Amino acid sequence: MQYEIEFCVACYLPNALEVIRGLLESHAHDDEFSLKLMPGVAGSFEVRRDNSVVYSEKATGRLPQLQEIEENLHQIPNPLPIATQGSKNCC
């Protein structure tokens, strides 16, 4: 599964880092997992999986919570869960 996070670096870097952390905690050892970060235009924040939009700040007018992105993933065929706080470490 390929994830893409397009976001305004000046506006939403902390929010993007939260999503990135969740995805990496869940899928760091998954051979089919890839993550692409793309700097976006001012105010943009969009998460896609395999070219399907999981969340768009432009469509909703607000930023998502990590849990909300996870819930949206379940609406796309073959969803991958996002880790939440308290994930176990492998080391």
PDB file of N, CA and C in Angstrom:
ATOM      1  N   MET A   1       0.831  -1.168   0.000  1.00  0.00           N
ATOM      2  CA  MET A   1       0.000   0.000   0.000  1.00  0.00           C
ATOM      3  C   MET A   1       0.882   1.240   0.000  1.00  0.00           C
ATOM      4  N   GLN A   2       0.555   2.171  -0.866  1.00  0.00           N
ATOM      5  CA  GLN A   2       1.298   3.422  -0.900  1.00  0.00           C
ATOM      6  C   GLN A   2       0.462   4.532  -0.295  1.00  0.00           C
ATOM      7  N   TYR A   3       1.036   5.181   0.697  1.00  0.00           N
ATOM      8  CA  TYR A   3       0.403   6.336   1.334  1.00  0.00           C
ATOM      9  C   TYR A   3       1.096   7.599   0.855  1.00  0.00           C
ATOM     10  N   GLU A   4       0.306   8.635   0.660  1.00  0.00           N
ATOM     11  CA  GLU A   4       0.830   9.946   0.321  1.00  0.00           C
ATOM     12  C   GLU A   4       0.229  10.955   1.287  1.00  0.00           C
ATOM     13  N   ILE A   5       1.070  11.817   1.793  1.00  0.00           N
ATOM     14  CA  ILE A   5       0.600  12.902   2.642  1.00  0.00           C
ATOM     15  C   ILE A   5       1.078  14.194   1.983  1.00  0.00           C
ATOM     16  N   GLU A   6       0.122  14.988   1.527  1.00  0.00           N
ATOM     17  CA  GLU A   6       0.425  16.277   0.924  1.00  0.00           C
ATOM     18  C   GLU A   6      -0.032  17.347   1.903  1.00  0.00           C
ATOM     19  N   PHE A   7       0.887  18.228   2.275  1.00  0.00           N
ATOM     20  CA  PHE A   7       0.541  19.201   3.305  1.00  0.00           C
ATOM     21  C   PHE A   7       1.374  20.462   3.176  1.00  0.00           C
ATOM     22  N   CYS A   8       0.806  21.558   3.666  1.00  0.00           N
ATOM     23  CA  CYS A   8       1.528  22.819   3.761  1.00  0.00           C
ATOM     24  C   CYS A   8       2.517  22.685   4.908  1.00  0.00           C
ATOM     25  N   VAL A   9       3.797  22.717   4.594  1.00  0.00           N
ATOM     26  CA  VAL A   9       4.833  22.531   5.609  1.00  0.00           C
ATOM     27  C   VAL A   9       4.776  23.643   6.651  1.00  0.00           C
ATOM     28  N   ALA A  10       4.569  24.859   6.217  1.00  0.00           N
ATOM     29  CA  ALA A  10       4.533  25.989   7.147  1.00  0.00           C
ATOM     30  C   ALA A  10       3.334  25.921   8.091  1.00  0.00           C
ATOM     31  N   CYS A  11       2.221  25.362   7.615  1.00  0.00           N
ATOM     32  CA  CYS A  11       0.986  25.333   8.415  1.00  0.00           C
ATOM     33  C   CYS A  11       0.827  24.055   9.246  1.00  0.00           C
ATOM     34  N   TYR A  12       1.143  22.905   8.653  1.00  0.00           N
ATOM     35  CA  TYR A  12       0.691  21.634   9.223  1.00  0.00           C
ATOM     36  C   TYR A  12       1.775  20.594   9.456  1.00  0.00           C
ATOM     37  N   LEU A  13       3.010  20.989   9.585  1.00  0.00           N
ATOM     38  CA  LEU A  13       4.074  20.015   9.831  1.00  0.00           C
ATOM     39  C   LEU A  13       3.811  19.164  11.069  1.00  0.00           C
ATOM     40  N   PRO A  14       3.427  19.727  12.232  1.00  0.00           N
ATOM     41  CA  PRO A  14       3.167  18.875  13.400  1.00  0.00           C
ATOM     42  C   PRO A  14       2.041  17.858  13.156  1.00  0.00           C
ATOM     43  N   ASN A  15       1.005  18.250  12.433  1.00  0.00           N
ATOM     44  CA  ASN A  15      -0.096  17.337  12.146  1.00  0.00           C
ATOM     45  C   ASN A  15       0.359  16.207  11.226  1.00  0.00           C
ATOM     46  N   ALA A  16       1.149  16.556  10.218  1.00  0.00           N
ATOM     47  CA  ALA A  16       1.664  15.538   9.307  1.00  0.00           C
ATOM     48  C   ALA A  16       2.577  14.564  10.043  1.00  0.00           C
ATOM     49  N   LEU A  17       3.401  15.076  10.950  1.00  0.00           N
ATOM     50  CA  LEU A  17       4.291  14.195  11.723  1.00  0.00           C
ATOM     51  C   LEU A  17       3.503  13.196  12.562  1.00  0.00           C
ATOM     52  N   GLU A  18       2.364  13.615  13.094  1.00  0.00           N
ATOM     53  CA  GLU A  18       1.526  12.701  13.872  1.00  0.00           C
ATOM     54  C   GLU A  18       1.005  11.560  12.993  1.00  0.00           C
ATOM     55  N   VAL A  19       0.551  11.891  11.795  1.00  0.00           N
ATOM     56  CA  VAL A  19       0.062  10.860  10.871  1.00  0.00           C
ATOM     57  C   VAL A  19       1.205   9.955  10.434  1.00  0.00           C
ATOM     58  N   ILE A  20       2.356  10.541  10.126  1.00  0.00           N
ATOM     59  CA  ILE A  20       3.525   9.768   9.727  1.00  0.00           C
ATOM     60  C   ILE A  20       3.922   8.790  10.829  1.00  0.00           C
ATOM     61  N   ARG A  21       3.961   9.280  12.075  1.00  0.00           N
ATOM     62  CA  ARG A  21       4.318   8.413  13.210  1.00  0.00           C
ATOM     63  C   ARG A  21       3.363   7.236  13.311  1.00  0.00           C
ATOM     64  N   GLY A  22       2.071   7.504  13.202  1.00  0.00           N
ATOM     65  CA  GLY A  22       1.084   6.436  13.299  1.00  0.00           C
ATOM     66  C   GLY A  22       1.245   5.401  12.202  1.00  0.00           C
ATOM     67  N   LEU A  23       1.457   5.860  10.982  1.00  0.00           N
ATOM     68  CA  LEU A  23       1.641   4.927   9.869  1.00  0.00           C
ATOM     69  C   LEU A  23       2.913   4.103  10.036  1.00  0.00           C
ATOM     70  N   LEU A  24       4.000   4.739  10.414  1.00  0.00           N
ATOM     71  CA  LEU A  24       5.257   4.011  10.586  1.00  0.00           C
ATOM     72  C   LEU A  24       5.198   3.026  11.746  1.00  0.00           C
ATOM     73  N   GLU A  25       4.533   3.393  12.835  1.00  0.00           N
ATOM     74  CA  GLU A  25       4.414   2.467  13.965  1.00  0.00           C
ATOM     75  C   GLU A  25       3.648   1.220  13.566  1.00  0.00           C
ATOM     76  N   SER A  26       2.697   1.346  12.686  1.00  0.00           N
ATOM     77  CA  SER A  26       1.897   0.195  12.267  1.00  0.00           C
ATOM     78  C   SER A  26       2.543  -0.611  11.159  1.00  0.00           C
ATOM     79  N   HIS A  27       3.327   0.043  10.297  1.00  0.00           N
ATOM     80  CA  HIS A  27       3.728  -0.626   9.054  1.00  0.00           C
ATOM     81  C   HIS A  27       5.219  -0.580   8.746  1.00  0.00           C
ATOM     82  N   ALA A  28       6.050  -0.255   9.704  1.00  0.00           N
ATOM     83  CA  ALA A  28       7.484  -0.125   9.446  1.00  0.00           C
ATOM     84  C   ALA A  28       8.096  -1.388   8.867  1.00  0.00           C
ATOM     85  N   HIS A  29       7.551  -2.549   9.197  1.00  0.00           N
ATOM     86  CA  HIS A  29       8.126  -3.821   8.734  1.00  0.00           C
ATOM     87  C   HIS A  29       7.283  -4.492   7.653  1.00  0.00           C
ATOM     88  N   ASP A  30       6.329  -3.783   7.113  1.00  0.00           N
ATOM     89  CA  ASP A  30       5.467  -4.308   6.057  1.00  0.00           C
ATOM     90  C   ASP A  30       6.165  -4.090   4.713  1.00  0.00           C
ATOM     91  N   ASP A  31       6.439  -5.176   3.991  1.00  0.00           N
ATOM     92  CA  ASP A  31       7.163  -5.088   2.723  1.00  0.00           C
ATOM     93  C   ASP A  31       6.429  -4.258   1.675  1.00  0.00           C
ATOM     94  N   GLU A  32       5.121  -4.196   1.738  1.00  0.00           N
ATOM     95  CA  GLU A  32       4.350  -3.488   0.720  1.00  0.00           C
ATOM     96  C   GLU A  32       4.035  -2.051   1.112  1.00  0.00           C
ATOM     97  N   PHE A  33       4.513  -1.599   2.232  1.00  0.00           N
ATOM     98  CA  PHE A  33       4.226  -0.257   2.724  1.00  0.00           C
ATOM     99  C   PHE A  33       5.213   0.748   2.150  1.00  0.00           C
ATOM    100  N   SER A  34       4.690   1.872   1.664  1.00  0.00           N
ATOM    101  CA  SER A  34       5.537   2.999   1.274  1.00  0.00           C
ATOM    102  C   SER A  34       4.825   4.286   1.655  1.00  0.00           C
ATOM    103  N   LEU A  35       5.614   5.300   1.903  1.00  0.00           N
ATOM    104  CA  LEU A  35       5.086   6.578   2.361  1.00  0.00           C
ATOM    105  C   LEU A  35       5.768   7.690   1.585  1.00  0.00           C
ATOM    106  N   LYS A  36       4.962   8.526   0.961  1.00  0.00           N
ATOM    107  CA  LYS A  36       5.478   9.642   0.174  1.00  0.00           C
ATOM    108  C   LYS A  36       4.981  10.936   0.794  1.00  0.00           C
ATOM    109  N   LEU A  37       5.905  11.851   1.049  1.00  0.00           N
ATOM    110  CA  LEU A  37       5.559  13.166   1.590  1.00  0.00           C
ATOM    111  C   LEU A  37       5.692  14.184   0.471  1.00  0.00           C
ATOM    112  N   MET A  38       4.681  15.033   0.359  1.00  0.00           N
ATOM    113  CA  MET A  38       4.677  16.018  -0.710  1.00  0.00           C
ATOM    114  C   MET A  38       4.328  17.384  -0.141  1.00  0.00           C
ATOM    115  N   PRO A  39       5.218  18.371  -0.311  1.00  0.00           N
ATOM    116  CA  PRO A  39       4.877  19.712   0.132  1.00  0.00           C
ATOM    117  C   PRO A  39       3.705  20.228  -0.695  1.00  0.00           C
ATOM    118  N   GLY A  40       2.712  20.771  -0.022  1.00  0.00           N
ATOM    119  CA  GLY A  40       1.523  21.264  -0.713  1.00  0.00           C
ATOM    120  C   GLY A  40       1.429  22.774  -0.664  1.00  0.00           C
ATOM    121  N   VAL A  41       0.380  23.277  -1.272  1.00  0.00           N
ATOM    122  CA  VAL A  41       0.138  24.722  -1.279  1.00  0.00           C
ATOM    123  C   VAL A  41      -0.319  25.160   0.106  1.00  0.00           C
ATOM    124  N   ALA A  42      -0.298  26.444   0.341  1.00  0.00           N
ATOM    125  CA  ALA A  42      -0.672  27.004   1.640  1.00  0.00           C
ATOM    126  C   ALA A  42      -2.040  26.493   2.087  1.00  0.00           C
ATOM    127  N   GLY A  43      -2.077  25.936   3.285  1.00  0.00           N
ATOM    128  CA  GLY A  43      -3.321  25.463   3.874  1.00  0.00           C
ATOM    129  C   GLY A  43      -3.746  24.068   3.484  1.00  0.00           C
ATOM    130  N   SER A  44      -2.979  23.373   2.648  1.00  0.00           N
ATOM    131  CA  SER A  44      -3.398  22.043   2.202  1.00  0.00           C
ATOM    132  C   SER A  44      -2.998  20.961   3.193  1.00  0.00           C
ATOM    133  N   PHE A  45      -3.849  19.942   3.320  1.00  0.00           N
ATOM    134  CA  PHE A  45      -3.548  18.752   4.120  1.00  0.00           C
ATOM    135  C   PHE A  45      -4.410  17.621   3.573  1.00  0.00           C
ATOM    136  N   GLU A  46      -3.781  16.677   2.880  1.00  0.00           N
ATOM    137  CA  GLU A  46      -4.518  15.577   2.276  1.00  0.00           C
ATOM    138  C   GLU A  46      -3.746  14.285   2.467  1.00  0.00           C
ATOM    139  N   VAL A  47      -4.467  13.229   2.823  1.00  0.00           N
ATOM    140  CA  VAL A  47      -3.883  11.903   2.995  1.00  0.00           C
ATOM    141  C   VAL A  47      -4.539  10.988   1.961  1.00  0.00           C
ATOM    142  N   ARG A  48      -3.691  10.260   1.215  1.00  0.00           N
ATOM    143  CA  ARG A  48      -4.199   9.323   0.215  1.00  0.00           C
ATOM    144  C   ARG A  48      -3.566   7.952   0.426  1.00  0.00           C
ATOM    145  N   ARG A  49      -4.320   6.928   0.067  1.00  0.00           N
ATOM    146  CA  ARG A  49      -3.782   5.562   0.055  1.00  0.00           C
ATOM    147  C   ARG A  49      -4.103   4.969  -1.300  1.00  0.00           C
ATOM    148  N   ASP A  50      -3.074   4.546  -2.007  1.00  0.00           N
ATOM    149  CA  ASP A  50      -3.238   3.977  -3.345  1.00  0.00           C
ATOM    150  C   ASP A  50      -4.111   4.869  -4.222  1.00  0.00           C
ATOM    151  N   ASN A  51      -3.824   6.149  -4.202  1.00  0.00           N
ATOM    152  CA  ASN A  51      -4.507   7.171  -5.001  1.00  0.00           C
ATOM    153  C   ASN A  51      -5.954   7.434  -4.594  1.00  0.00           C
ATOM    154  N   SER A  52      -6.422   6.863  -3.505  1.00  0.00           N
ATOM    155  CA  SER A  52      -7.758   7.157  -2.981  1.00  0.00           C
ATOM    156  C   SER A  52      -7.611   8.143  -1.829  1.00  0.00           C
ATOM    157  N   VAL A  53      -8.410   9.194  -1.832  1.00  0.00           N
ATOM    158  CA  VAL A  53      -8.338  10.188  -0.776  1.00  0.00           C
ATOM    159  C   VAL A  53      -8.896   9.601   0.516  1.00  0.00           C
ATOM    160  N   VAL A  54      -8.088   9.615   1.550  1.00  0.00           N
ATOM    161  CA  VAL A  54      -8.495   9.160   2.872  1.00  0.00           C
ATOM    162  C   VAL A  54      -9.033  10.338   3.669  1.00  0.00           C
ATOM    163  N   TYR A  55      -8.370  11.490   3.517  1.00  0.00           N
ATOM    164  CA  TYR A  55      -8.833  12.690   4.213  1.00  0.00           C
ATOM    165  C   TYR A  55      -8.351  13.914   3.450  1.00  0.00           C
ATOM    166  N   SER A  56      -9.218  14.924   3.354  1.00  0.00           N
ATOM    167  CA  SER A  56      -8.879  16.174   2.691  1.00  0.00           C
ATOM    168  C   SER A  56      -9.355  17.348   3.536  1.00  0.00           C
ATOM    169  N   GLU A  57      -8.409  18.167   3.968  1.00  0.00           N
ATOM    170  CA  GLU A  57      -8.759  19.367   4.723  1.00  0.00           C
ATOM    171  C   GLU A  57      -9.551  20.326   3.848  1.00  0.00           C
ATOM    172  N   LYS A  58      -9.255  20.345   2.558  1.00  0.00           N
ATOM    173  CA  LYS A  58      -9.978  21.215   1.623  1.00  0.00           C
ATOM    174  C   LYS A  58     -11.462  20.838   1.562  1.00  0.00           C
ATOM    175  N   ALA A  59     -11.764  19.546   1.604  1.00  0.00           N
ATOM    176  CA  ALA A  59     -13.149  19.082   1.529  1.00  0.00           C
ATOM    177  C   ALA A  59     -13.909  19.309   2.835  1.00  0.00           C
ATOM    178  N   THR A  60     -13.207  19.196   3.973  1.00  0.00           N
ATOM    179  CA  THR A  60     -13.884  19.282   5.266  1.00  0.00           C
ATOM    180  C   THR A  60     -13.750  20.646   5.932  1.00  0.00           C
ATOM    181  N   GLY A  61     -12.720  21.390   5.557  1.00  0.00           N
ATOM    182  CA  GLY A  61     -12.493  22.692   6.164  1.00  0.00           C
ATOM    183  C   GLY A  61     -11.822  22.647   7.522  1.00  0.00           C
ATOM    184  N   ARG A  62     -11.294  21.478   7.885  1.00  0.00           N
ATOM    185  CA  ARG A  62     -10.618  21.334   9.178  1.00  0.00           C
ATOM    186  C   ARG A  62      -9.593  20.213   9.094  1.00  0.00           C
ATOM    187  N   LEU A  63      -8.730  20.147  10.098  1.00  0.00           N
ATOM    188  CA  LEU A  63      -7.734  19.079  10.156  1.00  0.00           C
ATOM    189  C   LEU A  63      -8.318  17.844  10.819  1.00  0.00           C
ATOM    190  N   PRO A  64      -7.836  16.664  10.421  1.00  0.00           N
ATOM    191  CA  PRO A  64      -8.346  15.431  11.020  1.00  0.00           C
ATOM    192  C   PRO A  64      -7.631  15.080  12.310  1.00  0.00           C
ATOM    193  N   GLN A  65      -8.263  14.249  13.102  1.00  0.00           N
ATOM    194  CA  GLN A  65      -7.610  13.569  14.215  1.00  0.00           C
ATOM    195  C   GLN A  65      -7.059  12.261  13.658  1.00  0.00           C
ATOM    196  N   LEU A  66      -6.017  11.720  14.250  1.00  0.00           N
ATOM    197  CA  LEU A  66      -5.424  10.470  13.781  1.00  0.00           C
ATOM    198  C   LEU A  66      -6.465   9.364  13.726  1.00  0.00           C
ATOM    199  N   GLN A  67      -7.315   9.280  14.738  1.00  0.00           N
ATOM    200  CA  GLN A  67      -8.346   8.239  14.773  1.00  0.00           C
ATOM    201  C   GLN A  67      -9.324   8.393  13.604  1.00  0.00           C
ATOM    202  N   GLU A  68      -9.601   9.603  13.211  1.00  0.00           N
ATOM    203  CA  GLU A  68     -10.508   9.857  12.099  1.00  0.00           C
ATOM    204  C   GLU A  68      -9.923   9.330  10.778  1.00  0.00           C
ATOM    205  N   ILE A  69      -8.629   9.490  10.596  1.00  0.00           N
ATOM    206  CA  ILE A  69      -7.984   8.946   9.403  1.00  0.00           C
ATOM    207  C   ILE A  69      -8.086   7.429   9.413  1.00  0.00           C
ATOM    208  N   GLU A  70      -7.846   6.826  10.563  1.00  0.00           N
ATOM    209  CA  GLU A  70      -7.951   5.367  10.683  1.00  0.00           C
ATOM    210  C   GLU A  70      -9.356   4.900  10.323  1.00  0.00           C
ATOM    211  N   GLU A  71     -10.368   5.590  10.816  1.00  0.00           N
ATOM    212  CA  GLU A  71     -11.747   5.220  10.499  1.00  0.00           C
ATOM    213  C   GLU A  71     -12.024   5.339   9.000  1.00  0.00           C
ATOM    214  N   ASN A  72     -11.490   6.375   8.373  1.00  0.00           N
ATOM    215  CA  ASN A  72     -11.671   6.545   6.937  1.00  0.00           C
ATOM    216  C   ASN A  72     -10.977   5.447   6.139  1.00  0.00           C
ATOM    217  N   LEU A  73      -9.875   4.931   6.657  1.00  0.00           N
ATOM    218  CA  LEU A  73      -9.181   3.837   5.973  1.00  0.00           C
ATOM    219  C   LEU A  73     -10.052   2.593   5.884  1.00  0.00           C
ATOM    220  N   HIS A  74     -10.911   2.388   6.875  1.00  0.00           N
ATOM    221  CA  HIS A  74     -11.770   1.204   6.882  1.00  0.00           C
ATOM    222  C   HIS A  74     -12.853   1.281   5.817  1.00  0.00           C
ATOM    223  N   GLN A  75     -13.051   2.452   5.240  1.00  0.00           N
ATOM    224  CA  GLN A  75     -14.036   2.607   4.174  1.00  0.00           C
ATOM    225  C   GLN A  75     -13.446   2.296   2.800  1.00  0.00           C
ATOM    226  N   ILE A  76     -12.120   2.153   2.730  1.00  0.00           N
ATOM    227  CA  ILE A  76     -11.427   1.814   1.490  1.00  0.00           C
ATOM    228  C   ILE A  76     -11.151   0.313   1.526  1.00  0.00           C
ATOM    229  N   PRO A  77     -11.355  -0.412   0.428  1.00  0.00           N
ATOM    230  CA  PRO A  77     -11.070  -1.860   0.428  1.00  0.00           C
ATOM    231  C   PRO A  77      -9.656  -2.165   0.904  1.00  0.00           C
ATOM    232  N   ASN A  78      -9.516  -3.228   1.688  1.00  0.00           N
ATOM    233  CA  ASN A  78      -8.244  -3.691   2.239  1.00  0.00           C
ATOM    234  C   ASN A  78      -7.535  -2.623   3.063  1.00  0.00           C
ATOM    235  N   PRO A  79      -8.192  -2.080   4.086  1.00  0.00           N
ATOM    236  CA  PRO A  79      -7.569  -1.024   4.881  1.00  0.00           C
ATOM    237  C   PRO A  79      -6.433  -1.541   5.747  1.00  0.00           C
ATOM    238  N   LEU A  80      -5.506  -0.655   6.035  1.00  0.00           N
ATOM    239  CA  LEU A  80      -4.423  -0.937   6.966  1.00  0.00           C
ATOM    240  C   LEU A  80      -4.640  -0.064   8.182  1.00  0.00           C
ATOM    241  N   PRO A  81      -4.617  -0.621   9.397  1.00  0.00           N
ATOM    242  CA  PRO A  81      -4.846   0.203  10.585  1.00  0.00           C
ATOM    243  C   PRO A  81      -3.660   1.105  10.871  1.00  0.00           C
ATOM    244  N   ILE A  82      -3.950   2.234  11.469  1.00  0.00           N
ATOM    245  CA  ILE A  82      -2.907   3.158  11.917  1.00  0.00           C
ATOM    246  C   ILE A  82      -2.728   2.929  13.411  1.00  0.00           C
ATOM    247  N   ALA A  83      -1.479   2.861  13.850  1.00  0.00           N
ATOM    248  CA  ALA A  83      -1.216   2.683  15.277  1.00  0.00           C
ATOM    249  C   ALA A  83      -1.614   3.940  16.040  1.00  0.00           C
ATOM    250  N   THR A  84      -2.055   3.746  17.254  1.00  0.00           N
ATOM    251  CA  THR A  84      -2.338   4.863  18.121  1.00  0.00           C
ATOM    252  C   THR A  84      -1.330   4.847  19.251  1.00  0.00           C
ATOM    253  N   GLN A  85      -1.395   5.793  20.131  1.00  0.00           N
ATOM    254  CA  GLN A  85      -0.423   5.865  21.220  1.00  0.00           C
ATOM    255  C   GLN A  85      -0.414   4.567  22.004  1.00  0.00           C
ATOM    256  N   GLY A  86       0.755   4.226  22.501  1.00  0.00           N
ATOM    257  CA  GLY A  86       0.874   3.016  23.294  1.00  0.00           C
ATOM    258  C   GLY A  86       1.274   1.800  22.477  1.00  0.00           C
ATOM    259  N   SER A  87       1.694   2.022  21.234  1.00  0.00           N
ATOM    260  CA  SER A  87       2.123   0.892  20.418  1.00  0.00           C
ATOM    261  C   SER A  87       3.370   0.260  20.999  1.00  0.00           C
ATOM    262  N   LYS A  88       3.484  -1.048  20.852  1.00  0.00           N
ATOM    263  CA  LYS A  88       4.658  -1.725  21.390  1.00  0.00           C
ATOM    264  C   LYS A  88       5.863  -1.480  20.488  1.00  0.00           C
ATOM    265  N   ASN A  89       7.020  -1.452  21.087  1.00  0.00           N
ATOM    266  CA  ASN A  89       8.262  -1.272  20.346  1.00  0.00           C
ATOM    267  C   ASN A  89       8.815  -2.627  19.963  1.00  0.00           C
ATOM    268  N   CYS A  90       9.547  -2.680  18.879  1.00  0.00           N
ATOM    269  CA  CYS A  90      10.128  -3.951  18.454  1.00  0.00           C
ATOM    270  C   CYS A  90      11.518  -4.149  19.027  1.00  0.00           C
ATOM    271  N   CYS A  91      12.107  -3.132  19.572  1.00  0.00           N
ATOM    272  CA  CYS A  91      13.482  -3.228  20.060  1.00  0.00           C
ATOM    273  C   CYS A  91      13.543  -3.190  21.573  1.00  0.00           C
TER     274      CYS A  91
END
